[in-house]
C-alpha atoms as a PDB file:
ATOM      1  CA  MET A   1       0.000   0.000   0.000  1.00  0.00           C
ATOM      2  CA  GLY A   2       1.476   3.290  -1.051  1.00  0.00           C
ATOM      3  CA  LEU A   3       0.865   6.918  -0.316  1.00  0.00           C
ATOM      4  CA  ARG A   4      -2.552   6.857  -2.010  1.00  0.00           C
ATOM      5  CA  GLY A   5      -3.688   4.053   0.267  1.00  0.00           C
ATOM      6  CA  PHE A   6      -2.693   6.003   3.349  1.00  0.00           C
ATOM      7  CA  PHE A   7      -4.512   9.042   1.970  1.00  0.00           C
ATOM      8  CA  VAL A   8      -7.691   6.996   1.509  1.00  0.00           C
ATOM      9  CA  PHE A   9      -7.455   5.614   5.048  1.00  0.00           C
ATOM     10  CA  PHE A  10      -6.851   9.125   6.377  1.00  0.00           C
ATOM     11  CA  VAL A  11      -9.926  10.435   4.551  1.00  0.00           C
ATOM     12  CA  LEU A  12     -11.919   7.485   5.912  1.00  0.00           C
ATOM     13  CA  LEU A  13     -10.858   8.097   9.508  1.00  0.00           C
ATOM     14  CA  ALA A  14     -11.299  11.875   9.329  1.00  0.00           C
ATOM     15  CA  SER A  15     -14.732  11.695   7.722  1.00  0.00           C
ATOM     16  CA  LEU A  16     -15.943   8.981  10.118  1.00  0.00           C
ATOM     17  CA  CYS A  17     -14.782  11.068  13.083  1.00  0.00           C
ATOM     18  CA  SER A  18     -16.521  14.106  11.602  1.00  0.00           C
ATOM     19  CA  LEU A  19     -19.720  12.112  11.081  1.00  0.00           C
ATOM     20  CA  ALA A  20     -19.543  10.816  14.652  1.00  0.00           C
ATOM     21  CA  PHE A  21     -19.128  14.387  15.883  1.00  0.00           C
ATOM     22  CA  PHE A  22     -22.158  15.576  13.939  1.00  0.00           C
ATOM     23  CA  LEU A  23     -24.321  12.613  14.892  1.00  0.00           C
ATOM     24  CA  LEU A  24     -23.435  12.509  18.589  1.00  0.00           C
ATOM     25  CA  LEU A  25     -22.608  16.033  19.704  1.00  0.00           C
ATOM     26  CA  THR A  26     -24.578  18.525  17.609  1.00  0.00           C
ATOM     27  CA  ASP A  27     -28.201  19.535  17.678  1.00  0.00           C
ATOM     28  CA  PRO A  28     -29.574  19.968  14.131  1.00  0.00           C
ATOM     29  CA  ARG A  29     -32.034  22.635  15.272  1.00  0.00           C
ATOM     30  CA  TYR A  30     -29.150  25.030  15.951  1.00  0.00           C
ATOM     31  CA  LEU A  31     -27.022  24.375  12.868  1.00  0.00           C
ATOM     32  CA  SER A  32     -26.819  26.886  10.070  1.00  0.00           C
ATOM     33  CA  VAL A  33     -26.269  26.185   6.393  1.00  0.00           C
ATOM     34  CA  SER A  34     -22.531  25.801   6.877  1.00  0.00           C
ATOM     35  CA  GLY A  35     -23.118  23.067   9.475  1.00  0.00           C
ATOM     36  CA  PHE A  36     -25.277  21.114   7.061  1.00  0.00           C
ATOM     37  CA  LEU A  37     -22.721  21.587   4.264  1.00  0.00           C
ATOM     38  CA  ALA A  38     -19.985  20.268   6.559  1.00  0.00           C
ATOM     39  CA  PHE A  39     -22.163  17.276   7.452  1.00  0.00           C
ATOM     40  CA  TYR A  40     -22.848  16.419   3.814  1.00  0.00           C
ATOM     41  CA  ALA A  41     -19.174  16.896   2.902  1.00  0.00           C
ATOM     42  CA  SER A  42     -18.135  14.474   5.633  1.00  0.00           C
ATOM     43  CA  ALA A  43     -20.845  12.026   4.523  1.00  0.00           C
ATOM     44  CA  PHE A  44     -19.500  12.229   0.958  1.00  0.00           C
ATOM     45  CA  GLY A  45     -15.938  11.625   2.160  1.00  0.00           C
ATOM     46  CA  ALA A  46     -16.997   8.665   4.280  1.00  0.00           C
ATOM     47  CA  ALA A  47     -18.999   7.043   1.482  1.00  0.00           C
ATOM     48  CA  TRP A  48     -16.243   7.621  -1.089  1.00  0.00           C
ATOM     49  CA  SER A  49     -13.483   6.222   1.086  1.00  0.00           C
ATOM     50  CA  MET A  50     -15.557   3.233   2.260  1.00  0.00           C
ATOM     51  CA  ILE A  51     -16.241   2.266  -1.351  1.00  0.00           C
ATOM     52  CA  ILE A  52     -12.553   2.506  -2.265  1.00  0.00           C
ATOM     53  CA  VAL A  53     -11.386   0.636   0.854  1.00  0.00           C
ATOM     54  CA  GLY A  54     -14.009  -2.055   0.244  1.00  0.00           C
ATOM     55  CA  TRP A  55     -12.834  -2.405  -3.359  1.00  0.00           C
ATOM     56  CA  TYR A  56      -9.250  -2.715  -2.168  1.00  0.00           C
ATOM     57  CA  PHE A  57     -10.025  -5.500   0.276  1.00  0.00           C
ATOM     58  CA  VAL A  58     -12.230  -7.406  -2.170  1.00  0.00           C
ATOM     59  CA  PHE A  59     -10.135  -7.204  -5.340  1.00  0.00           C
ATOM     60  CA  MET A  60      -6.617  -5.964  -4.691  1.00  0.00           C
ATOM     61  CA  ARG A  61      -5.806  -8.431  -1.939  1.00  0.00           C
ATOM     62  CA  ARG A  62      -6.708 -11.299  -4.264  1.00  0.00           C
ATOM     63  CA  GLY A  63      -4.457  -9.979  -7.016  1.00  0.00           C
ATOM     64  CA  ARG A  64      -7.226  -8.855  -9.381  1.00  0.00           C
ATOM     65  CA  GLY A  65      -8.001  -5.393 -10.684  1.00  0.00           C
ATOM     66  CA  GLY A  66      -4.667  -3.652 -10.608  1.00  0.00           C
ATOM     67  CA  SER A  67      -4.631  -1.961 -14.011  1.00  0.00           C
ATOM     68  CA  THR A  68      -4.533   1.796 -14.369  1.00  0.00           C
ATOM     69  CA  SER A  69      -7.834   1.980 -16.244  1.00  0.00           C
ATOM     70  CA  ALA A  70      -9.533  -0.080 -13.521  1.00  0.00           C
ATOM     71  CA  ARG A  71      -8.240   2.307 -10.864  1.00  0.00           C
ATOM     72  CA  ALA A  72      -9.465   5.335 -12.804  1.00  0.00           C
ATOM     73  CA  ALA A  73     -12.852   3.698 -13.257  1.00  0.00           C
ATOM     74  CA  LEU A  74     -12.952   2.922  -9.521  1.00  0.00           C
ATOM     75  CA  ALA A  75     -12.354   6.559  -8.621  1.00  0.00           C
ATOM     76  CA  ARG A  76     -15.090   7.653 -11.017  1.00  0.00           C
ATOM     77  CA  HIS A  77     -17.571   5.030  -9.809  1.00  0.00           C
ATOM     78  CA  ALA A  78     -16.812   5.696  -6.143  1.00  0.00           C
ATOM     79  CA  SER A  79     -17.327   9.438  -6.573  1.00  0.00           C
ATOM     80  CA  LEU A  80     -20.574   8.931  -8.461  1.00  0.00           C
ATOM     81  CA  ALA A  81     -21.912   6.399  -5.939  1.00  0.00           C
ATOM     82  CA  ALA A  82     -20.952   8.617  -2.986  1.00  0.00           C
ATOM     83  CA  LEU A  83     -22.666  11.577  -4.633  1.00  0.00           C
ATOM     84  CA  CYS A  84     -25.816   9.501  -5.152  1.00  0.00           C
ATOM     85  CA  ILE A  85     -25.741   8.429  -1.496  1.00  0.00           C
ATOM     86  CA  VAL A  86     -25.393  12.017  -0.284  1.00  0.00           C
ATOM     87  CA  VAL A  87     -28.174  13.257  -2.590  1.00  0.00           C
ATOM     88  CA  ALA A  88     -30.463  10.446  -1.387  1.00  0.00           C
ATOM     89  CA  LEU A  89     -29.617  11.357   2.215  1.00  0.00           C
ATOM     90  CA  PHE A  90     -30.425  15.003   1.505  1.00  0.00           C
ATOM     91  CA  LEU A  91     -33.715  14.109  -0.194  1.00  0.00           C
ATOM     92  CA  SER A  92     -34.604  11.859   2.717  1.00  0.00           C
ATOM     93  CA  GLN A  93     -33.925  14.690   5.144  1.00  0.00           C
ATOM     94  CA  MET A  94     -36.194  16.976   3.097  1.00  0.00           C
ATOM     95  CA  ARG A  95     -38.858  14.231   3.057  1.00  0.00           C
ATOM     96  CA  SER A  96     -38.780  14.111  -0.746  1.00  0.00           C
ATOM     97  CA  LEU A  97     -37.371  10.625  -1.214  1.00  0.00           C
ATOM     98  CA  SER A  98     -39.744   8.324  -3.067  1.00  0.00           C
ATOM     99  CA  TRP A  99     -39.449   5.626  -5.675  1.00  0.00           C
ATOM    100  CA  TYR A 100     -39.630   8.001  -8.633  1.00  0.00           C
ATOM    101  CA  THR A 101     -36.920  10.281  -7.229  1.00  0.00           C
ATOM    102  CA  VAL A 102     -34.702   7.215  -6.743  1.00  0.00           C
ATOM    103  CA  VAL A 103     -35.368   6.169 -10.352  1.00  0.00           C
ATOM    104  CA  SER A 104     -34.599   9.720 -11.527  1.00  0.00           C
ATOM    105  CA  LEU A 105     -31.394   9.756  -9.482  1.00  0.00           C
ATOM    106  CA  ALA A 106     -30.333   6.409 -10.948  1.00  0.00           C
ATOM    107  CA  ALA A 107     -31.084   7.688 -14.473  1.00  0.00           C
ATOM    108  CA  LEU A 108     -29.010  10.821 -13.855  1.00  0.00           C
ATOM    109  CA  ALA A 109     -26.141   8.699 -12.532  1.00  0.00           C
ATOM    110  CA  ALA A 110     -26.310   6.432 -15.590  1.00  0.00           C
ATOM    111  CA  PHE A 111     -26.343   9.459 -17.910  1.00  0.00           C
ATOM    112  CA  ALA A 112     -23.372  11.003 -16.071  1.00  0.00           C
ATOM    113  CA  GLU A 113     -21.454   7.739 -16.395  1.00  0.00           C
ATOM    114  CA  TYR A 114     -22.301   7.554 -20.104  1.00  0.00           C
ATOM    115  CA  ALA A 115     -21.211  11.163 -20.593  1.00  0.00           C
ATOM    116  CA  MET A 116     -17.916  10.528 -18.780  1.00  0.00           C
ATOM    117  CA  LEU A 117     -17.192   7.411 -20.804  1.00  0.00           C
ATOM    118  CA  PHE A 118     -18.212   8.507 -24.277  1.00  0.00           C
ATOM    119  CA  GLY A 119     -17.890  12.284 -24.108  1.00  0.00           C
ATOM    120  CA  LYS A 120     -15.643  14.209 -26.457  1.00  0.00           C
ATOM    121  CA  LYS A 121     -11.994  13.657 -25.654  1.00  0.00           C
ATOM    122  CA  ARG A 122      -9.826  16.676 -26.297  1.00  0.00           C
END
């Protein structure tokens, strides 16, 4: 495990500690917009790093999935999945999460993935 691996573990630990702080020690009634932005940023960091760490322990330790294109795809997929998780969490907090918003979110994620894969390369 190199420097990138330590960076991912650091992001995981920092974001999990930040989430624990927000969940255990703060009262949401007294938070302003910046408090909610910090909470969602730490939720994004935790989801992103958990996906990457999970991928490492499932595939890299068995000797599969070490190519550069697979690592780039992992970073893209992890970011997109973490963003979808945070948006679903936000919609749930606003009491707007239903089956058709989940389907719309999945369609937007699929379109974003398609656009990243087959967009114009300059």
